[in-house]
N, C-alpha and C. Protein backbone atom coordinates (compact mmCIF):
# COMPACT_ATOMS: atom_id res chain seq x y z
N UNK A 1 0.85 -1.18 0.00
CA UNK A 1 0.00 0.00 0.00
C UNK A 1 0.90 1.24 0.00
N UNK A 2 0.69 2.11 -0.96
CA UNK A 2 1.50 3.31 -1.07
C UNK A 2 0.80 4.50 -0.44
N UNK A 3 1.60 5.47 -0.09
CA UNK A 3 1.07 6.70 0.51
C UNK A 3 1.26 7.85 -0.47
N UNK A 4 0.30 8.76 -0.46
CA UNK A 4 0.39 9.98 -1.25
C UNK A 4 0.14 11.16 -0.33
N UNK A 5 0.58 12.33 -0.74
CA UNK A 5 0.35 13.54 0.04
C UNK A 5 -0.93 14.21 -0.40
N UNK A 6 -1.74 14.62 0.56
CA UNK A 6 -2.94 15.38 0.25
C UNK A 6 -2.52 16.75 -0.27
N UNK A 7 -3.07 17.21 -1.39
CA UNK A 7 -2.69 18.52 -1.92
C UNK A 7 -3.11 19.69 -1.04
N UNK A 8 -4.12 19.49 -0.19
CA UNK A 8 -4.60 20.59 0.65
C UNK A 8 -3.87 20.68 1.98
N UNK A 9 -3.90 19.59 2.76
CA UNK A 9 -3.35 19.65 4.11
C UNK A 9 -1.98 19.00 4.25
N UNK A 10 -1.47 18.39 3.18
CA UNK A 10 -0.13 17.78 3.11
C UNK A 10 0.05 16.60 4.05
N UNK A 11 -1.05 15.96 4.46
CA UNK A 11 -0.95 14.75 5.27
C UNK A 11 -0.71 13.55 4.36
N UNK A 12 -0.03 12.53 4.89
CA UNK A 12 0.14 11.30 4.14
C UNK A 12 -1.14 10.49 4.21
N UNK A 13 -1.62 10.05 3.04
CA UNK A 13 -2.88 9.34 2.93
C UNK A 13 -2.64 8.11 2.06
N UNK A 14 -3.32 7.02 2.39
CA UNK A 14 -3.23 5.82 1.56
C UNK A 14 -3.73 6.13 0.15
N UNK A 15 -3.05 5.60 -0.84
CA UNK A 15 -3.48 5.84 -2.22
C UNK A 15 -4.82 5.17 -2.51
N UNK A 16 -5.26 4.24 -1.66
CA UNK A 16 -6.54 3.57 -1.83
C UNK A 16 -7.69 4.35 -1.20
N UNK A 17 -7.40 5.35 -0.37
CA UNK A 17 -8.43 6.12 0.32
C UNK A 17 -9.18 7.00 -0.67
N UNK A 18 -10.47 7.17 -0.44
CA UNK A 18 -11.26 8.06 -1.30
C UNK A 18 -11.10 9.51 -0.88
N UNK A 19 -11.07 9.77 0.43
CA UNK A 19 -10.97 11.13 0.95
C UNK A 19 -9.81 11.22 1.93
N UNK A 20 -9.26 12.41 2.06
CA UNK A 20 -8.24 12.66 3.07
C UNK A 20 -8.93 12.70 4.43
N UNK A 21 -8.44 11.95 5.43
CA UNK A 21 -9.07 11.98 6.75
C UNK A 21 -8.87 13.31 7.47
N UNK A 22 -7.88 14.08 7.06
CA UNK A 22 -7.62 15.36 7.71
C UNK A 22 -8.53 16.47 7.24
N UNK A 23 -8.65 16.64 5.91
CA UNK A 23 -9.41 17.78 5.39
C UNK A 23 -10.63 17.35 4.57
N UNK A 24 -10.72 16.07 4.19
CA UNK A 24 -11.88 15.60 3.45
C UNK A 24 -11.77 15.70 1.94
N UNK A 25 -10.66 16.19 1.44
CA UNK A 25 -10.51 16.32 -0.01
C UNK A 25 -10.50 14.94 -0.67
N UNK A 26 -11.11 14.85 -1.84
CA UNK A 26 -11.14 13.60 -2.59
C UNK A 26 -9.72 13.31 -3.09
N UNK A 27 -9.23 12.12 -2.78
CA UNK A 27 -7.86 11.74 -3.14
C UNK A 27 -7.86 10.76 -4.31
N UNK A 28 -8.63 9.71 -4.21
CA UNK A 28 -8.60 8.62 -5.18
C UNK A 28 -9.27 9.06 -6.48
N UNK A 29 -8.59 8.89 -7.59
CA UNK A 29 -9.13 9.27 -8.89
C UNK A 29 -10.16 8.26 -9.40
N UNK A 30 -10.22 7.07 -8.80
CA UNK A 30 -11.17 6.04 -9.19
C UNK A 30 -12.47 6.22 -8.39
N UNK A 31 -13.08 7.35 -8.49
CA UNK A 31 -14.28 7.65 -7.72
C UNK A 31 -15.45 7.86 -8.67
N UNK A 32 -16.63 7.78 -8.11
CA UNK A 32 -17.82 8.00 -8.92
C UNK A 32 -17.95 9.49 -9.23
N UNK A 33 -18.33 9.82 -10.46
CA UNK A 33 -18.50 11.24 -10.80
C UNK A 33 -19.68 11.85 -10.06
N UNK A 34 -19.55 13.11 -9.70
CA UNK A 34 -20.60 13.85 -9.00
C UNK A 34 -21.10 14.97 -9.90
N UNK A 35 -22.40 15.17 -9.87
CA UNK A 35 -23.04 16.20 -10.67
C UNK A 35 -23.22 17.47 -9.84
N UNK A 36 -22.74 18.57 -10.36
CA UNK A 36 -22.90 19.84 -9.65
C UNK A 36 -24.37 20.22 -9.58
N UNK A 37 -25.13 19.98 -10.65
CA UNK A 37 -26.55 20.30 -10.66
C UNK A 37 -27.33 19.53 -9.60
N UNK A 38 -27.03 18.25 -9.47
CA UNK A 38 -27.71 17.45 -8.46
C UNK A 38 -27.32 17.90 -7.05
N UNK A 39 -26.06 18.28 -6.86
CA UNK A 39 -25.63 18.78 -5.56
C UNK A 39 -26.39 20.06 -5.19
N UNK A 40 -26.61 20.92 -6.17
CA UNK A 40 -27.35 22.17 -5.93
C UNK A 40 -28.80 21.85 -5.56
N UNK A 41 -29.44 20.96 -6.33
CA UNK A 41 -30.84 20.60 -6.06
C UNK A 41 -30.98 19.96 -4.68
N UNK A 42 -30.07 19.06 -4.33
CA UNK A 42 -30.12 18.42 -3.01
C UNK A 42 -29.92 19.44 -1.90
N UNK A 43 -29.00 20.38 -2.11
CA UNK A 43 -28.77 21.41 -1.09
C UNK A 43 -29.99 22.30 -0.92
N UNK A 44 -30.68 22.62 -2.02
CA UNK A 44 -31.86 23.49 -1.93
C UNK A 44 -33.05 22.80 -1.27
N UNK A 45 -33.31 21.55 -1.64
CA UNK A 45 -34.54 20.90 -1.18
C UNK A 45 -34.35 19.98 0.03
N UNK A 46 -33.20 19.37 0.16
CA UNK A 46 -32.98 18.45 1.29
C UNK A 46 -31.71 18.82 2.08
N UNK A 47 -31.22 20.00 1.86
CA UNK A 47 -29.98 20.43 2.51
C UNK A 47 -30.07 20.52 4.02
N UNK A 48 -31.24 20.81 4.53
CA UNK A 48 -31.41 20.89 5.98
C UNK A 48 -31.17 19.55 6.66
N UNK A 49 -31.29 18.47 5.91
CA UNK A 49 -31.03 17.13 6.43
C UNK A 49 -29.64 16.62 6.05
N UNK A 50 -28.89 17.41 5.30
CA UNK A 50 -27.53 17.04 4.92
C UNK A 50 -27.42 16.16 3.70
N UNK A 51 -28.46 16.05 2.89
CA UNK A 51 -28.45 15.16 1.73
C UNK A 51 -27.31 15.49 0.77
N UNK A 52 -27.05 16.76 0.54
CA UNK A 52 -25.98 17.15 -0.38
C UNK A 52 -24.61 16.75 0.16
N UNK A 53 -24.45 16.78 1.46
CA UNK A 53 -23.18 16.39 2.07
C UNK A 53 -22.96 14.89 1.91
N UNK A 54 -24.01 14.09 2.13
CA UNK A 54 -23.90 12.65 1.91
C UNK A 54 -23.56 12.36 0.45
N UNK A 55 -24.23 13.04 -0.46
CA UNK A 55 -24.01 12.83 -1.88
C UNK A 55 -22.57 13.16 -2.29
N UNK A 56 -22.01 14.21 -1.71
CA UNK A 56 -20.65 14.63 -2.06
C UNK A 56 -19.57 13.88 -1.29
N UNK A 57 -19.98 12.90 -0.49
CA UNK A 57 -19.01 12.08 0.22
C UNK A 57 -18.55 12.64 1.55
N UNK A 58 -19.19 13.67 2.03
CA UNK A 58 -18.85 14.26 3.33
C UNK A 58 -19.81 13.72 4.38
N UNK A 59 -19.68 12.43 4.69
CA UNK A 59 -20.64 11.74 5.54
C UNK A 59 -20.68 12.32 6.95
N UNK A 60 -19.54 12.67 7.50
CA UNK A 60 -19.50 13.26 8.83
C UNK A 60 -20.30 14.55 8.92
N UNK A 61 -20.12 15.40 7.92
CA UNK A 61 -20.90 16.65 7.87
C UNK A 61 -22.38 16.36 7.66
N UNK A 62 -22.68 15.32 6.87
CA UNK A 62 -24.07 14.94 6.63
C UNK A 62 -24.76 14.54 7.92
N UNK A 63 -24.08 13.74 8.75
CA UNK A 63 -24.66 13.36 10.04
C UNK A 63 -24.83 14.56 10.96
N UNK A 64 -23.87 15.47 10.93
CA UNK A 64 -23.98 16.67 11.76
C UNK A 64 -25.18 17.53 11.33
N UNK A 65 -25.36 17.69 10.04
CA UNK A 65 -26.52 18.45 9.53
C UNK A 65 -27.81 17.76 9.95
N UNK A 66 -27.84 16.42 9.82
CA UNK A 66 -29.05 15.68 10.18
C UNK A 66 -29.33 15.78 11.68
N UNK A 67 -28.28 15.74 12.49
CA UNK A 67 -28.44 15.82 13.94
C UNK A 67 -29.05 17.15 14.37
N UNK A 68 -28.67 18.22 13.70
CA UNK A 68 -29.14 19.55 14.07
C UNK A 68 -30.22 20.11 13.14
N UNK A 69 -30.85 19.24 12.35
CA UNK A 69 -31.84 19.72 11.38
C UNK A 69 -33.02 20.43 12.05
N UNK A 70 -33.33 20.10 13.29
CA UNK A 70 -34.46 20.72 13.98
C UNK A 70 -34.20 22.19 14.29
N UNK A 71 -32.94 22.64 14.24
CA UNK A 71 -32.62 24.04 14.54
C UNK A 71 -32.75 24.95 13.32
N UNK A 72 -32.89 24.38 12.14
CA UNK A 72 -32.95 25.09 10.86
C UNK A 72 -31.64 25.77 10.48
N UNK A 73 -30.63 25.65 11.32
CA UNK A 73 -29.31 26.20 10.97
C UNK A 73 -28.73 25.47 9.76
N UNK A 74 -28.81 24.13 9.70
CA UNK A 74 -28.30 23.45 8.50
C UNK A 74 -29.03 23.86 7.22
N UNK A 75 -30.31 24.19 7.32
CA UNK A 75 -31.05 24.61 6.12
C UNK A 75 -30.50 25.94 5.59
N UNK A 76 -30.17 26.84 6.49
CA UNK A 76 -29.60 28.13 6.09
C UNK A 76 -28.22 27.92 5.48
N UNK A 77 -27.42 27.07 6.12
CA UNK A 77 -26.09 26.77 5.59
C UNK A 77 -26.18 26.09 4.23
N UNK A 78 -27.15 25.20 4.06
CA UNK A 78 -27.32 24.50 2.79
C UNK A 78 -27.70 25.48 1.67
N UNK A 79 -28.51 26.47 1.98
CA UNK A 79 -28.86 27.48 0.99
C UNK A 79 -27.61 28.23 0.54
N UNK A 80 -26.78 28.59 1.50
CA UNK A 80 -25.52 29.28 1.18
C UNK A 80 -24.63 28.38 0.34
N UNK A 81 -24.56 27.09 0.69
CA UNK A 81 -23.73 26.16 -0.06
C UNK A 81 -24.27 25.94 -1.47
N UNK A 82 -25.58 25.92 -1.65
CA UNK A 82 -26.17 25.79 -2.98
C UNK A 82 -25.74 26.96 -3.86
N UNK A 83 -25.76 28.14 -3.29
CA UNK A 83 -25.31 29.32 -4.04
C UNK A 83 -23.83 29.21 -4.36
N UNK A 84 -23.04 28.73 -3.39
CA UNK A 84 -21.60 28.57 -3.60
C UNK A 84 -21.32 27.54 -4.70
N UNK A 85 -22.06 26.43 -4.71
CA UNK A 85 -21.88 25.43 -5.77
C UNK A 85 -22.24 26.03 -7.12
N UNK A 86 -23.27 26.86 -7.17
CA UNK A 86 -23.74 27.44 -8.42
C UNK A 86 -22.71 28.41 -9.02
N UNK A 87 -22.01 29.14 -8.18
CA UNK A 87 -21.05 30.13 -8.69
C UNK A 87 -19.64 29.56 -8.82
N UNK A 88 -19.42 28.38 -8.26
CA UNK A 88 -18.11 27.73 -8.34
C UNK A 88 -17.86 27.28 -9.78
N UNK A 89 -16.65 27.44 -10.25
CA UNK A 89 -16.35 26.98 -11.61
C UNK A 89 -16.42 25.45 -11.66
N UNK A 90 -16.68 24.94 -12.84
CA UNK A 90 -16.77 23.49 -13.02
C UNK A 90 -15.47 22.80 -12.66
N UNK A 91 -14.37 23.43 -13.00
CA UNK A 91 -13.07 22.84 -12.69
C UNK A 91 -12.84 22.78 -11.18
N UNK A 92 -13.18 23.83 -10.46
CA UNK A 92 -13.04 23.83 -9.00
C UNK A 92 -13.94 22.76 -8.36
N UNK A 93 -15.19 22.66 -8.84
CA UNK A 93 -16.10 21.65 -8.31
C UNK A 93 -15.54 20.26 -8.59
N UNK A 94 -15.04 20.05 -9.79
CA UNK A 94 -14.47 18.76 -10.16
C UNK A 94 -13.26 18.42 -9.29
N UNK A 95 -12.41 19.37 -9.06
CA UNK A 95 -11.22 19.12 -8.24
C UNK A 95 -11.60 18.78 -6.80
N UNK A 96 -12.60 19.43 -6.28
CA UNK A 96 -12.95 19.25 -4.89
C UNK A 96 -13.86 18.04 -4.65
N UNK A 97 -14.82 17.81 -5.55
CA UNK A 97 -15.83 16.78 -5.32
C UNK A 97 -15.85 15.66 -6.36
N UNK A 98 -15.09 15.77 -7.42
CA UNK A 98 -15.06 14.73 -8.42
C UNK A 98 -16.25 14.73 -9.36
N UNK A 99 -16.60 15.90 -9.88
CA UNK A 99 -17.76 16.02 -10.78
C UNK A 99 -17.45 15.38 -12.12
N UNK A 100 -18.52 15.04 -12.81
CA UNK A 100 -18.36 14.44 -14.15
C UNK A 100 -17.96 15.49 -15.14
């Protein structure tokens, strides 16, 4: 098993890992493609429950959003994230989340 450096946090990560355990960046190139449009729709309609986070592979954040969904704070954050995904360039989204 070989190790690679995470481009964001510079931690050593297994080359077989999908995400960096330190910062969450997608490491493995053999990942399923993610659609920016679907991420936006999930953030708008189900973002308060963390659906977009689960879809993008950020399971820890998804559980945190789901845990606090009764406060409506995750819904507000999801709206902001939907806007951020919409204005993010395709290349940036692809680099961060592995979009198609």
